[in-house]
Amino acid sequence: MEVVVAHSDVTEIEVDVLVVNLFEGVTNPGGATGAVDSALGGLISELISDGEITGSTNELTLIHTPNSVYPSFKPARVLVAGLGSRESFDTDGIRRVSASVIRKLRSARVKHAATIVHGIGIGSIEVVSGSQAMVEGALLGAYRFLKYRTTDKNRKADVATLTIVEGDSSKIATIKTGVERAIAYSQAEILARDLVNEPANKLSPADLATVAQKVAADNGLSCIVLEEADVTKLGMGAYVGVSQGGPRPLKFIHVTYEGDVARPENNLWLIGKGITFDSGGISIKPGAGMGKMKGDMGGGASVIGAIQAISQLKPKLNVHVVCAATDNMPGGSAQRPGDVVTAMNGMTIEIDNTDAEGRLTLADAIGYAKSKDAVRIVDVATLTGAARVALGDGVSPVFGNDDDLVDAVLETSEIVGESMWRMPLDSVTKRQNASKIADLKNTGGRGGGSTTAAHFIADFAGKTPWVHIDVAATSMLDSTRGWMPAGATGVPTRSLIELAMKFGR
């Protein structure tokens, strides 16, 4: 879908559908909606009076405005979108209504639509953030993964053009800034969604590395891909142990954006779990639902997507993306419960459960980042089923050893609408990782599963400022929710981009 910005009177733009809005409780529409209402002889006000339009959240009312009846009104139809309560309306509300609108337009087979920016008038939302949120809602809400659907002959096409129309010329440049940011953020999250939605037989560690190399080549970034011999030489025994049960070779991916070459210490490392299929290994998972384990590289997908947008938006910051990609399979050479492996930093790990593999790959990825003088580390992983038990599938638990970095992550997640909540790293659950034969075990038992996993990773982060985001429950959804579709959500790609922009101002 192409997104353009036009300085025009809303009544004079020639499109299939013009989208305007209404807050709940408004009886006399103003602004652009009021202008449309006047051009239509008070039709919208009449529908409000009749109770057909209430302005309630996500209420969508399509009005036909044929030229024979309204000769001076150029749009062929008008869609009035309900925004709900003015007091509670925010940028998340913009994303939600924009996603609903774009799906409604597609359902109506609309090719060319125009819209005002919701909430930047009487809604008191800043123009740039409102514009960004609206375009994000449209692009992300329109997302479908149809690559392997070959027999659906009656599929409705996407909207071809969405024009943002604004009558105030002083706002045009600011709206365009918001649109440009939205396109970069959304394309990055769509890339992450596409990767997570790919079947595991179509996305191997090598395929993931190829995608990262293309992102790097297209955006002027450096990309290093280490092979098994390379990481073995570096001492990554925890990572190599996970990979040894499957036939597809591991790929250790490192992409670098240099936005502050003169200050290499001004850096942010984004580390994503990259298990391209997780069978559980010898500690094999139940068969029901195992197909979703194609998405166990959701963390890796999000950091690769994020670096794409970061390179385009150019913050004054050096950003490194790392993804230790591998399968976790139960082949004859797979590691066993009871094995002991040695991580890059020299710590020994008792393998209590081979299905607790993601934290092993993260341990060595963090060790690698620290060897390269990482100053801030944020890791993202579809790590624990316990995350869903703790917070459901609408909020990602966050852990960290540095209050400032944790606060920055939470702040940026709120801005982009990817909910997170800080969880504790307490001394009691930490003891659950104790091993009698090694420095620590890779599991701490059922109780506090997300916390013990975070404690494990924290031991490798050490004193380096570090945050861990567990997206096991939020990376994929069973049904559409606002701008997040059924299937891969791309969470927390936009949070990572926003974090880099915050540190790079």
Protein backbone atom coordinates (compact mmCIF):
# COMPACT_ATOMS: atom_id res chain seq x y z
CA MET A 1 0.00 0.00 0.00
CA GLU A 2 1.34 3.40 -1.00
CA VAL A 3 0.92 6.18 1.57
CA VAL A 4 0.91 9.80 0.38
CA VAL A 5 0.23 13.16 2.02
CA ALA A 6 -1.93 15.80 0.33
CA HIS A 7 -2.77 19.41 1.20
CA SER A 8 -6.42 19.58 0.24
CA ASP A 9 -9.96 20.30 1.33
CA VAL A 10 -11.46 16.97 2.40
CA THR A 11 -14.57 17.61 0.30
CA GLU A 12 -12.56 18.03 -2.89
CA ILE A 13 -10.35 14.95 -2.91
CA GLU A 14 -11.36 12.35 -5.50
CA VAL A 15 -11.15 8.93 -3.85
CA ASP A 16 -13.29 5.83 -3.46
CA VAL A 17 -13.71 6.46 0.28
CA LEU A 18 -12.91 9.37 2.59
CA VAL A 19 -12.37 8.42 6.24
CA VAL A 20 -13.35 10.89 8.96
CA ASN A 21 -13.97 10.32 12.67
CA LEU A 22 -16.15 11.05 15.64
CA PHE A 23 -15.61 10.91 19.39
CA GLU A 24 -18.27 9.33 21.56
CA GLY A 25 -20.87 11.77 22.82
CA VAL A 26 -20.36 14.39 20.10
CA THR A 27 -23.66 15.57 18.63
CA ASN A 28 -22.38 18.41 16.46
CA PRO A 29 -19.24 17.29 14.60
CA GLY A 30 -16.49 19.82 14.01
CA GLY A 31 -13.23 19.96 12.10
CA ALA A 32 -12.96 17.86 8.97
CA THR A 33 -15.96 15.73 9.99
CA GLY A 34 -17.99 18.90 10.40
CA ALA A 35 -16.91 20.11 6.96
CA VAL A 36 -18.04 16.83 5.44
CA ASP A 37 -21.29 16.98 7.38
CA SER A 38 -21.99 20.47 5.98
CA ALA A 39 -21.17 19.38 2.43
CA LEU A 40 -23.63 16.50 2.83
CA GLY A 41 -26.41 18.74 4.12
CA GLY A 42 -26.15 17.60 7.74
CA LEU A 43 -26.38 13.88 6.93
CA ILE A 44 -23.82 12.83 9.57
CA SER A 45 -25.58 14.91 12.23
CA GLU A 46 -28.86 13.28 11.25
CA LEU A 47 -27.36 9.80 11.62
CA ILE A 48 -25.99 10.81 15.03
CA SER A 49 -29.43 12.05 16.06
CA ASP A 50 -30.99 8.79 14.88
CA GLY A 51 -28.48 6.79 16.95
CA GLU A 52 -26.93 5.10 13.92
CA ILE A 53 -23.61 6.82 14.57
CA THR A 54 -22.48 7.00 18.21
CA GLY A 55 -18.72 7.45 17.95
CA SER A 56 -18.10 4.33 20.05
CA THR A 57 -14.73 2.62 19.73
CA ASN A 58 -14.15 1.03 16.31
CA GLU A 59 -17.70 1.75 15.13
CA LEU A 60 -17.49 2.04 11.33
CA THR A 61 -20.33 3.59 9.32
CA LEU A 62 -20.08 3.65 5.53
CA ILE A 63 -22.11 6.37 3.80
CA HIS A 64 -22.63 6.42 0.02
CA THR A 65 -22.37 9.92 -1.46
CA PRO A 66 -23.21 9.59 -5.16
CA ASN A 67 -22.27 12.54 -7.36
CA SER A 68 -25.84 12.78 -8.66
CA VAL A 69 -27.00 13.67 -5.14
CA TYR A 70 -23.94 15.60 -3.92
CA PRO A 71 -22.41 17.11 -7.09
CA SER A 72 -19.93 19.34 -5.23
CA PHE A 73 -18.65 16.52 -2.99
CA LYS A 74 -15.85 14.55 -4.67
CA PRO A 75 -15.37 11.39 -2.49
CA ALA A 76 -17.61 8.53 -3.66
CA ARG A 77 -18.22 7.32 -0.10
CA VAL A 78 -17.52 8.44 3.46
CA LEU A 79 -16.50 6.16 6.32
CA VAL A 80 -17.11 7.56 9.80
CA ALA A 81 -14.83 5.88 12.33
CA GLY A 82 -15.76 5.92 16.01
CA LEU A 83 -12.89 6.88 18.32
CA GLY A 84 -14.53 6.20 21.66
CA SER A 85 -13.96 8.44 24.67
CA ARG A 86 -11.94 11.58 24.02
CA GLU A 87 -10.40 11.37 27.51
CA SER A 88 -8.97 7.89 27.02
CA PHE A 89 -8.00 8.23 23.34
CA ASP A 90 -4.26 7.88 22.68
CA THR A 91 -1.84 6.71 20.00
CA ASP A 92 -2.75 3.07 20.68
CA GLY A 93 -6.34 4.07 19.97
CA ILE A 94 -5.21 5.58 16.68
CA ARG A 95 -3.43 2.35 15.71
CA ARG A 96 -6.45 0.25 16.61
CA VAL A 97 -9.01 2.31 14.70
CA SER A 98 -6.65 2.67 11.73
CA ALA A 99 -6.22 -1.11 11.57
CA SER A 100 -9.99 -1.63 11.73
CA VAL A 101 -10.54 0.98 9.01
CA ILE A 102 -7.99 -0.52 6.62
CA ARG A 103 -9.53 -3.98 6.96
CA LYS A 104 -13.01 -2.52 6.41
CA LEU A 105 -11.80 -0.76 3.27
CA ARG A 106 -10.27 -3.97 1.96
CA SER A 107 -13.48 -5.83 2.68
CA ALA A 108 -15.35 -3.21 0.64
CA ARG A 109 -12.84 -3.67 -2.20
CA VAL A 110 -11.66 -0.06 -1.97
CA LYS A 111 -8.58 0.74 -4.03
CA HIS A 112 -7.99 4.42 -3.28
CA ALA A 113 -8.85 5.93 0.10
CA ALA A 114 -8.14 9.17 1.91
CA THR A 115 -8.18 9.87 5.63
CA ILE A 116 -7.64 12.63 8.11
CA VAL A 117 -5.21 11.99 10.98
CA HIS A 118 -7.29 10.83 13.93
CA GLY A 119 -6.96 12.75 17.18
CA ILE A 120 -4.59 15.58 16.24
CA GLY A 121 -7.35 18.20 16.37
CA ILE A 122 -9.62 18.21 19.38
CA GLY A 123 -8.00 14.95 20.48
CA SER A 124 -4.85 16.90 21.49
CA ILE A 125 -2.39 14.32 20.14
CA GLU A 126 0.86 15.62 18.64
CA VAL A 127 0.83 15.73 14.86
CA VAL A 128 3.98 13.67 14.26
CA SER A 129 3.12 10.91 16.75
CA GLY A 130 -0.50 10.82 15.60
CA SER A 131 0.52 10.55 11.96
CA GLN A 132 3.03 7.83 12.75
CA ALA A 133 0.53 5.84 14.80
CA MET A 134 -2.14 6.06 12.11
CA VAL A 135 0.10 4.83 9.31
CA GLU A 136 1.51 2.09 11.54
CA GLY A 137 -2.03 0.95 12.30
CA ALA A 138 -2.91 0.87 8.61
CA LEU A 139 0.22 -0.92 7.41
CA LEU A 140 0.40 -3.39 10.28
CA GLY A 141 -3.37 -3.90 10.39
CA ALA A 142 -3.46 -4.75 6.70
CA TYR A 143 -0.78 -7.44 7.09
CA ARG A 144 -1.51 -10.95 5.83
CA PHE A 145 0.88 -13.87 5.34
CA LEU A 146 -0.38 -15.36 2.07
CA LYS A 147 2.83 -16.68 0.56
CA TYR A 148 1.67 -20.30 0.51
CA ARG A 149 -2.04 -19.72 -0.22
CA THR A 150 -2.32 -20.71 -3.89
CA THR A 151 -5.99 -21.69 -4.36
CA ASP A 152 -7.76 -18.65 -2.86
CA LYS A 153 -9.03 -17.15 -6.13
CA ASN A 154 -11.55 -14.73 -4.58
CA ARG A 155 -9.16 -13.06 -2.19
CA LYS A 156 -9.86 -9.36 -1.74
CA ALA A 157 -6.99 -7.12 -2.78
CA ASP A 158 -5.31 -4.69 -0.44
CA VAL A 159 -5.98 -0.97 -0.61
CA ALA A 160 -3.58 0.40 -3.23
CA THR A 161 -3.28 4.01 -2.05
CA LEU A 162 -3.96 5.72 1.27
CA THR A 163 -3.85 9.51 1.08
CA ILE A 164 -3.54 11.49 4.30
CA VAL A 165 -5.39 14.71 3.63
CA GLU A 166 -4.77 17.88 5.66
CA GLY A 167 -6.18 21.34 5.05
CA ASP A 168 -3.61 23.18 7.19
CA SER A 169 -0.45 23.64 5.13
CA SER A 170 1.66 24.27 8.26
CA LYS A 171 1.12 20.64 9.34
CA ILE A 172 2.14 18.95 6.08
CA ALA A 173 5.88 18.69 6.76
CA THR A 174 5.28 17.31 10.27
CA ILE A 175 2.78 14.75 8.98
CA LYS A 176 5.30 13.64 6.35
CA THR A 177 7.90 13.12 9.08
CA GLY A 178 5.49 10.92 11.00
CA VAL A 179 4.64 8.96 7.84
CA GLU A 180 8.29 8.35 7.01
CA ARG A 181 8.97 7.06 10.51
CA ALA A 182 5.85 4.89 10.40
CA ILE A 183 6.88 3.27 7.13
CA ALA A 184 10.35 2.43 8.47
CA TYR A 185 8.98 1.06 11.76
CA SER A 186 6.20 -0.91 10.05
CA GLN A 187 8.36 -2.42 7.31
CA ALA A 188 10.78 -3.61 9.99
CA GLU A 189 8.00 -5.23 12.00
CA ILE A 190 6.53 -6.77 8.86
CA LEU A 191 9.92 -8.30 8.06
CA ALA A 192 9.98 -9.81 11.55
CA ARG A 193 6.44 -11.15 11.09
CA ASP A 194 7.30 -12.69 7.74
CA LEU A 195 10.32 -14.48 9.22
CA VAL A 196 8.38 -15.87 12.18
CA ASN A 197 5.51 -17.01 9.96
CA GLU A 198 7.83 -18.91 7.61
CA PRO A 199 7.64 -22.71 7.99
CA ALA A 200 10.78 -24.20 9.50
CA ASN A 201 11.53 -26.16 6.32
CA LYS A 202 11.70 -22.84 4.48
CA LEU A 203 13.75 -20.96 7.08
CA SER A 204 16.94 -22.65 8.25
CA PRO A 205 19.75 -20.95 10.18
CA ALA A 206 21.44 -20.40 6.82
CA ASP A 207 18.27 -18.80 5.41
CA LEU A 208 18.05 -16.47 8.41
CA ALA A 209 21.69 -15.50 7.86
CA THR A 210 20.94 -14.79 4.20
CA VAL A 211 18.12 -12.44 5.20
CA ALA A 212 20.43 -10.61 7.61
CA GLN A 213 23.08 -10.31 4.90
CA LYS A 214 20.53 -8.84 2.50
CA VAL A 215 19.32 -6.33 5.09
CA ALA A 216 22.95 -5.35 5.62
CA ALA A 217 23.74 -5.09 1.91
CA ASP A 218 20.61 -3.05 1.17
CA ASN A 219 21.31 -0.57 3.96
CA GLY A 220 25.09 -0.19 3.94
CA LEU A 221 25.75 -2.27 7.06
CA SER A 222 28.45 -4.78 7.86
CA CYS A 223 27.43 -8.39 8.45
CA ILE A 224 29.59 -11.20 9.78
CA VAL A 225 28.35 -14.80 9.80
CA LEU A 226 30.41 -17.21 11.89
CA GLU A 227 30.36 -20.96 11.26
CA GLU A 228 30.56 -23.80 13.78
CA ALA A 229 34.35 -23.97 13.59
CA ASP A 230 34.55 -20.24 14.30
CA VAL A 231 32.31 -20.28 17.37
CA THR A 232 33.94 -23.47 18.66
CA LYS A 233 37.30 -21.71 18.50
CA LEU A 234 35.77 -18.84 20.50
CA GLY A 235 34.67 -21.32 23.18
CA MET A 236 30.89 -21.15 22.65
CA GLY A 237 30.22 -24.61 24.07
CA ALA A 238 26.71 -23.74 25.27
CA TYR A 239 25.62 -22.64 21.79
CA VAL A 240 27.32 -25.50 19.97
CA GLY A 241 25.74 -27.99 22.36
CA VAL A 242 22.26 -26.89 21.32
CA SER A 243 23.05 -27.26 17.62
CA GLN A 244 24.61 -30.72 17.66
CA GLY A 245 21.35 -32.69 17.48
CA GLY A 246 20.30 -31.52 14.01
CA PRO A 247 21.77 -31.74 10.50
CA ARG A 248 21.41 -28.08 9.55
CA PRO A 249 24.54 -26.06 10.42
CA LEU A 250 24.39 -23.23 12.92
CA LYS A 251 24.96 -19.62 11.83
CA PHE A 252 26.15 -16.92 14.24
CA ILE A 253 24.99 -13.60 12.81
CA HIS A 254 26.44 -10.18 13.70
CA VAL A 255 25.16 -7.05 11.92
CA THR A 256 26.58 -3.61 12.72
CA TYR A 257 25.24 -0.08 12.18
CA GLU A 258 27.81 2.63 12.92
CA GLY A 259 26.00 5.87 13.66
CA ASP A 260 28.71 7.33 15.90
CA VAL A 261 32.03 6.12 14.51
CA ALA A 262 34.07 8.53 16.60
CA ARG A 263 32.68 7.04 19.83
CA PRO A 264 32.60 3.23 19.62
CA GLU A 265 31.66 3.11 23.29
CA ASN A 266 28.32 4.73 22.43
CA ASN A 267 26.79 1.38 21.60
CA LEU A 268 23.67 -0.71 22.04
CA TRP A 269 23.70 -4.46 21.48
CA LEU A 270 20.42 -6.14 20.50
CA ILE A 271 20.62 -9.92 20.90
CA GLY A 272 17.83 -12.14 19.58
CA LYS A 273 17.19 -15.80 20.25
CA GLY A 274 17.36 -17.58 16.90
CA ILE A 275 16.08 -21.15 17.28
CA THR A 276 14.71 -21.79 13.79
CA PHE A 277 12.91 -24.89 15.04
CA ASP A 278 12.65 -26.09 18.62
CA SER A 279 11.64 -29.71 19.08
CA GLY A 280 12.86 -29.58 22.66
CA GLY A 281 15.79 -31.83 21.81
CA ILE A 282 16.07 -35.04 23.82
CA SER A 283 13.62 -33.47 26.31
CA ILE A 284 11.15 -33.45 23.43
CA LYS A 285 8.06 -31.28 23.50
CA PRO A 286 4.50 -32.68 23.26
CA GLY A 287 3.33 -33.02 19.67
CA ALA A 288 0.30 -30.78 20.10
CA GLY A 289 1.22 -27.24 19.12
CA MET A 290 4.80 -28.08 18.22
CA GLY A 291 4.29 -26.54 14.80
CA LYS A 292 4.38 -23.10 16.42
CA MET A 293 8.00 -23.76 17.36
CA LYS A 294 8.92 -22.52 13.88
CA GLY A 295 8.57 -19.14 15.59
CA ASP A 296 11.22 -19.76 18.24
CA MET A 297 13.45 -17.39 16.34
CA GLY A 298 11.08 -14.48 17.03
CA GLY A 299 13.73 -12.64 19.02
CA GLY A 300 16.23 -12.97 16.19
CA ALA A 301 13.61 -11.83 13.69
CA SER A 302 12.84 -8.73 15.75
CA VAL A 303 16.45 -7.60 16.06
CA ILE A 304 17.12 -8.15 12.35
CA GLY A 305 13.99 -6.18 11.52
CA ALA A 306 14.99 -3.45 13.97
CA ILE A 307 18.45 -2.92 12.48
CA GLN A 308 16.84 -2.41 9.07
CA ALA A 309 14.81 0.57 10.32
CA ILE A 310 17.62 1.87 12.53
CA SER A 311 19.93 2.08 9.54
CA GLN A 312 17.32 4.08 7.65
CA LEU A 313 16.49 6.47 10.50
CA LYS A 314 20.18 7.01 11.37
CA PRO A 315 20.37 7.66 15.12
CA LYS A 316 23.74 8.87 16.46
CA LEU A 317 24.48 5.53 18.04
CA ASN A 318 26.38 2.35 17.21
CA VAL A 319 23.97 -0.58 17.13
CA HIS A 320 25.05 -4.21 16.99
CA VAL A 321 22.62 -7.03 16.30
CA VAL A 322 23.51 -10.61 17.21
CA CYS A 323 21.56 -13.79 16.53
CA ALA A 324 22.98 -17.21 17.39
CA ALA A 325 20.84 -19.21 14.96
CA THR A 326 20.38 -22.98 15.17
CA ASP A 327 17.79 -25.75 15.35
CA ASN A 328 17.22 -27.71 18.56
CA MET A 329 16.68 -31.30 17.44
CA PRO A 330 16.76 -34.75 19.10
CA GLY A 331 19.18 -36.46 16.71
CA GLY A 332 21.63 -39.17 17.69
CA SER A 333 24.35 -36.65 18.43
CA ALA A 334 22.11 -34.33 20.47
CA GLN A 335 23.21 -33.21 23.90
CA ARG A 336 21.61 -35.10 26.79
CA PRO A 337 20.15 -34.14 30.14
CA GLY A 338 23.04 -34.42 32.57
CA ASP A 339 25.67 -33.20 30.13
CA VAL A 340 27.97 -30.35 31.15
CA VAL A 341 29.00 -27.66 28.66
CA THR A 342 31.34 -24.69 28.96
CA ALA A 343 30.23 -21.26 27.82
CA MET A 344 32.40 -18.63 26.15
CA ASN A 345 33.05 -16.87 29.45
CA GLY A 346 34.35 -20.10 31.02
CA MET A 347 31.32 -20.88 33.16
CA THR A 348 30.18 -24.51 33.22
CA ILE A 349 26.51 -25.42 32.79
CA GLU A 350 24.72 -28.63 33.73
CA ILE A 351 22.09 -29.45 31.10
CA ASP A 352 19.09 -30.29 33.25
CA ASN A 353 16.60 -30.04 30.36
CA THR A 354 17.52 -29.77 26.68
CA ASP A 355 14.32 -27.79 26.04
CA ALA A 356 15.83 -24.91 28.00
CA GLU A 357 18.07 -24.24 25.03
CA GLY A 358 17.44 -20.59 24.20
CA ARG A 359 19.19 -19.34 27.31
CA LEU A 360 22.25 -21.38 26.35
CA THR A 361 22.54 -19.65 22.99
CA LEU A 362 21.94 -16.26 24.63
CA ALA A 363 24.68 -16.96 27.18
CA ASP A 364 27.29 -17.26 24.44
CA ALA A 365 25.82 -14.42 22.38
CA ILE A 366 26.13 -12.16 25.43
CA GLY A 367 29.64 -13.45 26.04
CA TYR A 368 30.50 -12.47 22.48
CA ALA A 369 28.97 -9.00 22.93
CA LYS A 370 30.94 -8.42 26.12
CA SER A 371 34.15 -9.49 24.38
CA LYS A 372 33.44 -6.70 21.87
CA ASP A 373 33.03 -4.07 24.64
CA ALA A 374 29.23 -3.94 24.76
CA VAL A 375 28.04 -1.03 26.92
CA ARG A 376 24.29 -1.79 26.87
CA ILE A 377 22.71 -5.15 26.07
CA VAL A 378 19.06 -5.92 25.38
CA ASP A 379 18.16 -9.52 24.60
CA VAL A 380 14.84 -10.66 23.14
CA ALA A 381 13.70 -14.26 23.31
CA THR A 382 10.66 -16.49 23.02
CA LEU A 383 12.05 -18.05 26.15
CA THR A 384 9.51 -19.48 28.61
CA GLY A 385 5.97 -20.78 28.70
CA ALA A 386 5.93 -19.37 32.22
CA ALA A 387 5.75 -15.87 30.71
CA ARG A 388 2.24 -16.67 29.47
CA VAL A 389 1.25 -18.06 32.87
CA ALA A 390 2.51 -14.94 34.61
CA LEU A 391 1.20 -12.17 32.35
CA GLY A 392 -0.95 -13.70 29.60
CA ASP A 393 -0.34 -12.96 25.93
CA GLY A 394 -0.79 -9.18 26.01
CA VAL A 395 2.25 -8.16 28.05
CA SER A 396 5.91 -9.18 27.79
CA PRO A 397 7.81 -9.63 31.06
CA VAL A 398 11.03 -7.63 31.36
CA PHE A 399 14.01 -8.28 33.63
CA GLY A 400 17.20 -6.31 34.04
CA ASN A 401 20.15 -5.35 36.18
CA ASP A 402 20.14 -1.61 35.42
CA ASP A 403 17.21 0.61 36.39
CA ASP A 404 17.94 3.29 33.79
CA LEU A 405 18.08 0.78 30.95
CA VAL A 406 14.95 -1.03 32.16
CA ASP A 407 13.10 2.29 32.43
CA ALA A 408 14.19 3.24 28.90
CA VAL A 409 12.88 -0.06 27.52
CA LEU A 410 9.56 0.28 29.33
CA GLU A 411 9.17 3.90 28.20
CA THR A 412 9.78 3.10 24.55
CA SER A 413 7.49 0.06 24.66
CA GLU A 414 4.68 2.26 25.93
CA ILE A 415 5.25 4.79 23.15
CA VAL A 416 4.88 2.18 20.40
CA GLY A 417 2.10 0.19 22.07
CA GLU A 418 3.99 -3.03 22.82
CA SER A 419 3.11 -3.60 26.48
CA MET A 420 5.82 -4.76 28.89
CA TRP A 421 6.03 -5.18 32.65
CA ARG A 422 9.09 -5.40 34.87
CA MET A 423 9.51 -8.57 36.90
CA PRO A 424 11.87 -9.09 39.88
CA LEU A 425 15.22 -10.84 39.97
CA ASP A 426 15.01 -12.02 43.57
CA SER A 427 17.58 -13.98 45.54
CA VAL A 428 15.24 -16.88 46.33
CA THR A 429 14.53 -17.91 42.73
CA LYS A 430 18.19 -17.41 41.82
CA ARG A 431 19.12 -20.32 44.08
CA GLN A 432 16.93 -22.63 41.99
CA ASN A 433 19.59 -22.60 39.25
CA ALA A 434 22.24 -24.04 41.55
CA SER A 435 24.02 -27.19 40.33
CA LYS A 436 25.90 -29.78 42.37
CA ILE A 437 28.36 -30.58 39.58
CA ALA A 438 28.71 -27.35 37.57
CA ASP A 439 28.57 -23.59 38.07
CA LEU A 440 24.83 -23.58 37.38
CA LYS A 441 21.98 -25.56 35.80
CA ASN A 442 20.07 -24.44 32.72
CA THR A 443 16.72 -24.75 34.50
CA GLY A 444 15.42 -23.90 37.95
CA GLY A 445 12.29 -26.04 37.99
CA ARG A 446 8.66 -25.08 37.38
CA GLY A 447 8.28 -22.36 39.98
CA GLY A 448 9.12 -18.89 38.69
CA GLY A 449 10.20 -20.24 35.34
CA SER A 450 10.56 -16.88 33.61
CA THR A 451 12.52 -15.50 36.54
CA THR A 452 14.94 -18.41 36.83
CA ALA A 453 15.57 -18.19 33.08
CA ALA A 454 16.32 -14.49 33.44
CA HIS A 455 18.63 -15.20 36.39
CA PHE A 456 20.53 -17.64 34.21
CA ILE A 457 21.09 -15.02 31.51
CA ALA A 458 21.93 -12.38 34.13
CA ASP A 459 24.88 -14.48 35.28
CA PHE A 460 26.42 -14.02 31.82
CA ALA A 461 25.56 -10.33 31.52
CA GLY A 462 27.38 -9.70 34.80
CA LYS A 463 27.75 -6.00 35.56
CA THR A 464 27.11 -4.84 32.00
CA PRO A 465 23.78 -2.97 31.86
CA TRP A 466 21.36 -5.54 30.51
CA VAL A 467 17.66 -6.08 29.89
CA HIS A 468 15.89 -9.32 28.95
CA ILE A 469 12.49 -9.26 27.17
CA ASP A 470 10.59 -12.56 27.15
CA VAL A 471 8.20 -12.59 24.18
CA ALA A 472 7.21 -16.24 24.33
CA ALA A 473 3.53 -15.34 24.77
CA THR A 474 3.39 -12.12 22.73
CA SER A 475 5.36 -13.09 19.63
CA MET A 476 2.43 -15.03 18.13
CA LEU A 477 -1.34 -14.71 18.62
CA ASP A 478 -4.20 -17.08 17.85
CA SER A 479 -6.55 -14.28 16.75
CA THR A 480 -6.30 -10.72 15.46
CA ARG A 481 -6.00 -7.99 18.10
CA GLY A 482 -6.02 -4.42 16.81
CA TRP A 483 -3.01 -3.92 14.55
CA MET A 484 -1.58 -7.30 15.59
CA PRO A 485 -2.78 -10.14 13.35
CA ALA A 486 -3.30 -13.79 14.08
CA GLY A 487 0.11 -15.43 13.73
CA ALA A 488 3.33 -13.50 14.16
CA THR A 489 3.04 -10.05 15.75
CA GLY A 490 6.60 -8.80 15.22
CA VAL A 491 6.78 -7.76 18.90
CA PRO A 492 9.01 -6.07 20.10
CA THR A 493 10.61 -4.80 16.87
CA ARG A 494 9.23 -1.26 17.08
CA SER A 495 10.21 -1.00 20.75
CA LEU A 496 13.81 -1.79 19.84
CA ILE A 497 13.80 0.82 17.07
CA GLU A 498 12.35 3.43 19.41
CA LEU A 499 14.97 2.53 22.04
CA ALA A 500 17.79 3.07 19.55
CA MET A 501 16.25 6.39 18.49
CA LYS A 502 16.03 7.45 22.16
CA PHE A 503 19.69 6.70 22.85
CA GLY A 504 20.77 8.14 19.51
CA ARG A 505 19.22 11.61 19.80
